[in-house]
Amino acid sequence: MKSLMKSDMANHSRNTPWIFWPFVALWDLVTGILKLTGRLAAILVGLLLMIVGIAVSLTLIGAIVGIPLVIFGFTLTVRGLF
């Protein structure tokens, strides 16, 4: 039984006692969900910034602000995807 628990926890860098394994698994689940929603939020905010940047860039004066906004939105979207 000890070897089974050790193989389940092989992906953790710390040595967690078997009695705390359910708490570690729950914590890993919560952090995984937060990472996924964080990526989704980054993609949505990046797309929104690109749309706003394009809309602002339609005027000549707004291009000074709009082009960096589009670039920042694009890099945020790429970061959210990869």
N, C-alpha and C. Protein backbone atom coordinates (compact mmCIF):
# COMPACT_ATOMS: atom_id res chain seq x y z
N MET A 1 0.82 -1.19 0.00
CA MET A 1 0.00 0.00 0.00
C MET A 1 0.87 1.25 0.00
N LYS A 2 1.97 1.20 0.69
CA LYS A 2 2.86 2.36 0.76
C LYS A 2 3.41 2.71 -0.62
N SER A 3 3.75 1.71 -1.41
CA SER A 3 4.30 1.98 -2.74
C SER A 3 3.23 2.57 -3.66
N LEU A 4 1.97 2.19 -3.47
CA LEU A 4 0.89 2.74 -4.28
C LEU A 4 0.72 4.23 -3.99
N MET A 5 0.74 4.61 -2.73
CA MET A 5 0.61 6.01 -2.38
C MET A 5 1.81 6.82 -2.86
N LYS A 6 2.98 6.24 -2.80
CA LYS A 6 4.18 6.93 -3.23
C LYS A 6 4.14 7.20 -4.73
N SER A 7 3.60 6.26 -5.51
CA SER A 7 3.53 6.47 -6.96
C SER A 7 2.48 7.52 -7.32
N ASP A 8 1.42 7.64 -6.52
CA ASP A 8 0.41 8.67 -6.78
C ASP A 8 0.96 10.06 -6.51
N MET A 9 1.85 10.16 -5.58
CA MET A 9 2.39 11.46 -5.22
C MET A 9 3.74 11.72 -5.89
N ALA A 10 4.09 10.96 -6.90
CA ALA A 10 5.40 11.11 -7.53
C ALA A 10 5.53 12.44 -8.25
N ASN A 11 4.41 13.04 -8.67
CA ASN A 11 4.49 14.29 -9.40
C ASN A 11 4.66 15.51 -8.48
N HIS A 12 4.61 15.33 -7.19
CA HIS A 12 4.80 16.44 -6.24
C HIS A 12 6.25 16.49 -5.82
N SER A 13 6.79 17.70 -5.74
CA SER A 13 8.18 17.85 -5.36
C SER A 13 8.36 17.70 -3.84
N ARG A 14 7.31 17.86 -3.09
CA ARG A 14 7.41 17.74 -1.65
C ARG A 14 6.97 16.33 -1.22
N ASN A 15 7.37 15.95 -0.05
CA ASN A 15 7.05 14.62 0.46
C ASN A 15 5.89 14.77 1.44
N THR A 16 4.67 14.51 0.97
CA THR A 16 3.46 14.70 1.76
C THR A 16 3.06 13.37 2.41
N PRO A 17 2.76 13.38 3.70
CA PRO A 17 2.28 12.15 4.34
C PRO A 17 0.95 11.70 3.72
N TRP A 18 0.69 10.42 3.74
CA TRP A 18 -0.49 9.86 3.07
C TRP A 18 -1.79 10.40 3.64
N ILE A 19 -1.80 10.78 4.89
CA ILE A 19 -3.04 11.25 5.51
C ILE A 19 -3.48 12.61 4.95
N PHE A 20 -2.53 13.38 4.43
CA PHE A 20 -2.85 14.69 3.87
C PHE A 20 -3.10 14.65 2.37
N TRP A 21 -3.02 13.47 1.76
CA TRP A 21 -3.17 13.36 0.31
C TRP A 21 -4.52 13.90 -0.20
N PRO A 22 -5.66 13.67 0.46
CA PRO A 22 -6.91 14.25 -0.04
C PRO A 22 -6.89 15.78 -0.08
N PHE A 23 -6.25 16.41 0.90
CA PHE A 23 -6.16 17.86 0.91
C PHE A 23 -5.26 18.37 -0.21
N VAL A 24 -4.18 17.66 -0.46
CA VAL A 24 -3.27 18.03 -1.55
C VAL A 24 -3.98 17.87 -2.89
N ALA A 25 -4.74 16.79 -3.05
CA ALA A 25 -5.48 16.57 -4.30
C ALA A 25 -6.54 17.65 -4.51
N LEU A 26 -7.25 18.03 -3.46
CA LEU A 26 -8.25 19.10 -3.56
C LEU A 26 -7.59 20.43 -3.91
N TRP A 27 -6.45 20.71 -3.28
CA TRP A 27 -5.72 21.95 -3.56
C TRP A 27 -5.25 21.98 -5.02
N ASP A 28 -4.76 20.84 -5.51
CA ASP A 28 -4.32 20.77 -6.91
C ASP A 28 -5.49 20.98 -7.86
N LEU A 29 -6.66 20.46 -7.52
CA LEU A 29 -7.85 20.65 -8.35
C LEU A 29 -8.25 22.12 -8.40
N VAL A 30 -8.26 22.78 -7.24
CA VAL A 30 -8.64 24.19 -7.19
C VAL A 30 -7.65 25.05 -7.97
N THR A 31 -6.35 24.80 -7.80
CA THR A 31 -5.36 25.60 -8.54
C THR A 31 -5.44 25.34 -10.03
N GLY A 32 -5.76 24.12 -10.43
CA GLY A 32 -5.92 23.83 -11.85
C GLY A 32 -7.10 24.58 -12.45
N ILE A 33 -8.20 24.65 -11.72
CA ILE A 33 -9.38 25.38 -12.19
C ILE A 33 -9.08 26.87 -12.28
N LEU A 34 -8.37 27.41 -11.29
CA LEU A 34 -8.03 28.84 -11.31
C LEU A 34 -7.07 29.16 -12.45
N LYS A 35 -6.14 28.27 -12.75
CA LYS A 35 -5.24 28.50 -13.89
C LYS A 35 -6.02 28.51 -15.19
N LEU A 36 -6.97 27.60 -15.33
CA LEU A 36 -7.77 27.53 -16.55
C LEU A 36 -8.62 28.77 -16.72
N THR A 37 -9.27 29.23 -15.67
CA THR A 37 -10.10 30.43 -15.79
C THR A 37 -9.24 31.68 -15.97
N GLY A 38 -8.05 31.68 -15.40
CA GLY A 38 -7.14 32.80 -15.61
C GLY A 38 -6.71 32.90 -17.07
N ARG A 39 -6.45 31.77 -17.70
CA ARG A 39 -6.10 31.78 -19.12
C ARG A 39 -7.27 32.26 -19.96
N LEU A 40 -8.46 31.79 -19.63
CA LEU A 40 -9.65 32.21 -20.37
C LEU A 40 -9.87 33.71 -20.22
N ALA A 41 -9.68 34.23 -19.01
CA ALA A 41 -9.84 35.67 -18.79
C ALA A 41 -8.79 36.46 -19.56
N ALA A 42 -7.55 35.95 -19.63
CA ALA A 42 -6.50 36.64 -20.38
C ALA A 42 -6.83 36.68 -21.86
N ILE A 43 -7.37 35.60 -22.39
CA ILE A 43 -7.74 35.57 -23.81
C ILE A 43 -8.86 36.57 -24.09
N LEU A 44 -9.88 36.58 -23.23
CA LEU A 44 -11.00 37.49 -23.44
C LEU A 44 -10.59 38.96 -23.30
N VAL A 45 -9.77 39.27 -22.32
CA VAL A 45 -9.31 40.65 -22.15
C VAL A 45 -8.41 41.05 -23.32
N GLY A 46 -7.57 40.14 -23.79
CA GLY A 46 -6.72 40.43 -24.94
C GLY A 46 -7.53 40.71 -26.19
N LEU A 47 -8.56 39.91 -26.43
CA LEU A 47 -9.41 40.15 -27.60
C LEU A 47 -10.15 41.49 -27.48
N LEU A 48 -10.61 41.80 -26.29
CA LEU A 48 -11.28 43.07 -26.07
C LEU A 48 -10.34 44.25 -26.30
N LEU A 49 -9.11 44.14 -25.84
CA LEU A 49 -8.13 45.20 -26.05
C LEU A 49 -7.80 45.37 -27.53
N MET A 50 -7.74 44.26 -28.26
CA MET A 50 -7.48 44.36 -29.70
C MET A 50 -8.64 45.07 -30.41
N ILE A 51 -9.86 44.74 -30.04
CA ILE A 51 -11.02 45.38 -30.67
C ILE A 51 -11.05 46.88 -30.36
N VAL A 52 -10.81 47.23 -29.10
CA VAL A 52 -10.79 48.64 -28.71
C VAL A 52 -9.63 49.36 -29.40
N GLY A 53 -8.49 48.71 -29.49
CA GLY A 53 -7.34 49.32 -30.15
C GLY A 53 -7.59 49.58 -31.62
N ILE A 54 -8.25 48.66 -32.30
CA ILE A 54 -8.59 48.86 -33.71
C ILE A 54 -9.59 50.00 -33.85
N ALA A 55 -10.57 50.05 -32.97
CA ALA A 55 -11.57 51.11 -33.04
C ALA A 55 -10.95 52.48 -32.78
N VAL A 56 -10.02 52.56 -31.86
CA VAL A 56 -9.36 53.83 -31.56
C VAL A 56 -8.42 54.22 -32.69
N SER A 57 -7.82 53.24 -33.35
CA SER A 57 -6.86 53.51 -34.42
C SER A 57 -7.52 54.04 -35.69
N LEU A 58 -8.81 54.07 -35.77
CA LEU A 58 -9.48 54.58 -36.96
C LEU A 58 -9.27 56.08 -37.14
N THR A 59 -8.96 56.77 -36.07
CA THR A 59 -8.63 58.19 -36.18
C THR A 59 -7.11 58.32 -36.14
N LEU A 60 -6.58 59.35 -36.76
CA LEU A 60 -5.13 59.53 -36.84
C LEU A 60 -4.52 59.81 -35.46
N ILE A 61 -5.17 60.60 -34.67
CA ILE A 61 -4.65 60.91 -33.33
C ILE A 61 -4.76 59.69 -32.42
N GLY A 62 -5.83 58.92 -32.59
CA GLY A 62 -6.03 57.73 -31.76
C GLY A 62 -5.07 56.60 -32.09
N ALA A 63 -4.41 56.66 -33.25
CA ALA A 63 -3.47 55.60 -33.62
C ALA A 63 -2.27 55.55 -32.67
N ILE A 64 -1.95 56.67 -32.07
CA ILE A 64 -0.84 56.70 -31.11
C ILE A 64 -1.14 55.80 -29.92
N VAL A 65 -2.36 55.77 -29.51
CA VAL A 65 -2.77 54.92 -28.39
C VAL A 65 -3.26 53.56 -28.88
N GLY A 66 -3.92 53.53 -30.03
CA GLY A 66 -4.56 52.31 -30.51
C GLY A 66 -3.60 51.23 -30.93
N ILE A 67 -2.51 51.58 -31.60
CA ILE A 67 -1.57 50.56 -32.08
C ILE A 67 -0.89 49.83 -30.92
N PRO A 68 -0.38 50.53 -29.90
CA PRO A 68 0.15 49.78 -28.75
C PRO A 68 -0.91 48.95 -28.03
N LEU A 69 -2.14 49.42 -28.04
CA LEU A 69 -3.23 48.67 -27.42
C LEU A 69 -3.48 47.37 -28.17
N VAL A 70 -3.45 47.42 -29.49
CA VAL A 70 -3.62 46.21 -30.31
C VAL A 70 -2.46 45.25 -30.06
N ILE A 71 -1.25 45.77 -30.01
CA ILE A 71 -0.07 44.91 -29.78
C ILE A 71 -0.15 44.25 -28.40
N PHE A 72 -0.52 45.03 -27.38
CA PHE A 72 -0.64 44.48 -26.04
C PHE A 72 -1.76 43.43 -25.97
N GLY A 73 -2.89 43.70 -26.63
CA GLY A 73 -3.98 42.73 -26.66
C GLY A 73 -3.59 41.45 -27.36
N PHE A 74 -2.82 41.58 -28.44
CA PHE A 74 -2.37 40.40 -29.16
C PHE A 74 -1.43 39.55 -28.31
N THR A 75 -0.46 40.21 -27.65
CA THR A 75 0.47 39.45 -26.82
C THR A 75 -0.23 38.81 -25.62
N LEU A 76 -1.23 39.47 -25.08
CA LEU A 76 -1.99 38.89 -23.97
C LEU A 76 -2.79 37.68 -24.43
N THR A 77 -3.35 37.76 -25.63
CA THR A 77 -4.10 36.63 -26.18
C THR A 77 -3.18 35.45 -26.45
N VAL A 78 -2.02 35.72 -27.02
CA VAL A 78 -1.05 34.65 -27.29
C VAL A 78 -0.58 34.02 -25.98
N ARG A 79 -0.35 34.83 -24.96
CA ARG A 79 0.07 34.31 -23.66
C ARG A 79 -1.03 33.45 -23.03
N GLY A 80 -2.26 33.81 -23.23
CA GLY A 80 -3.36 33.02 -22.70
C GLY A 80 -3.52 31.69 -23.42
N LEU A 81 -3.20 31.66 -24.71
CA LEU A 81 -3.32 30.43 -25.48
C LEU A 81 -2.19 29.45 -25.20
N PHE A 82 -0.99 29.97 -25.04
CA PHE A 82 0.18 29.10 -24.86
C PHE A 82 0.77 29.35 -23.53
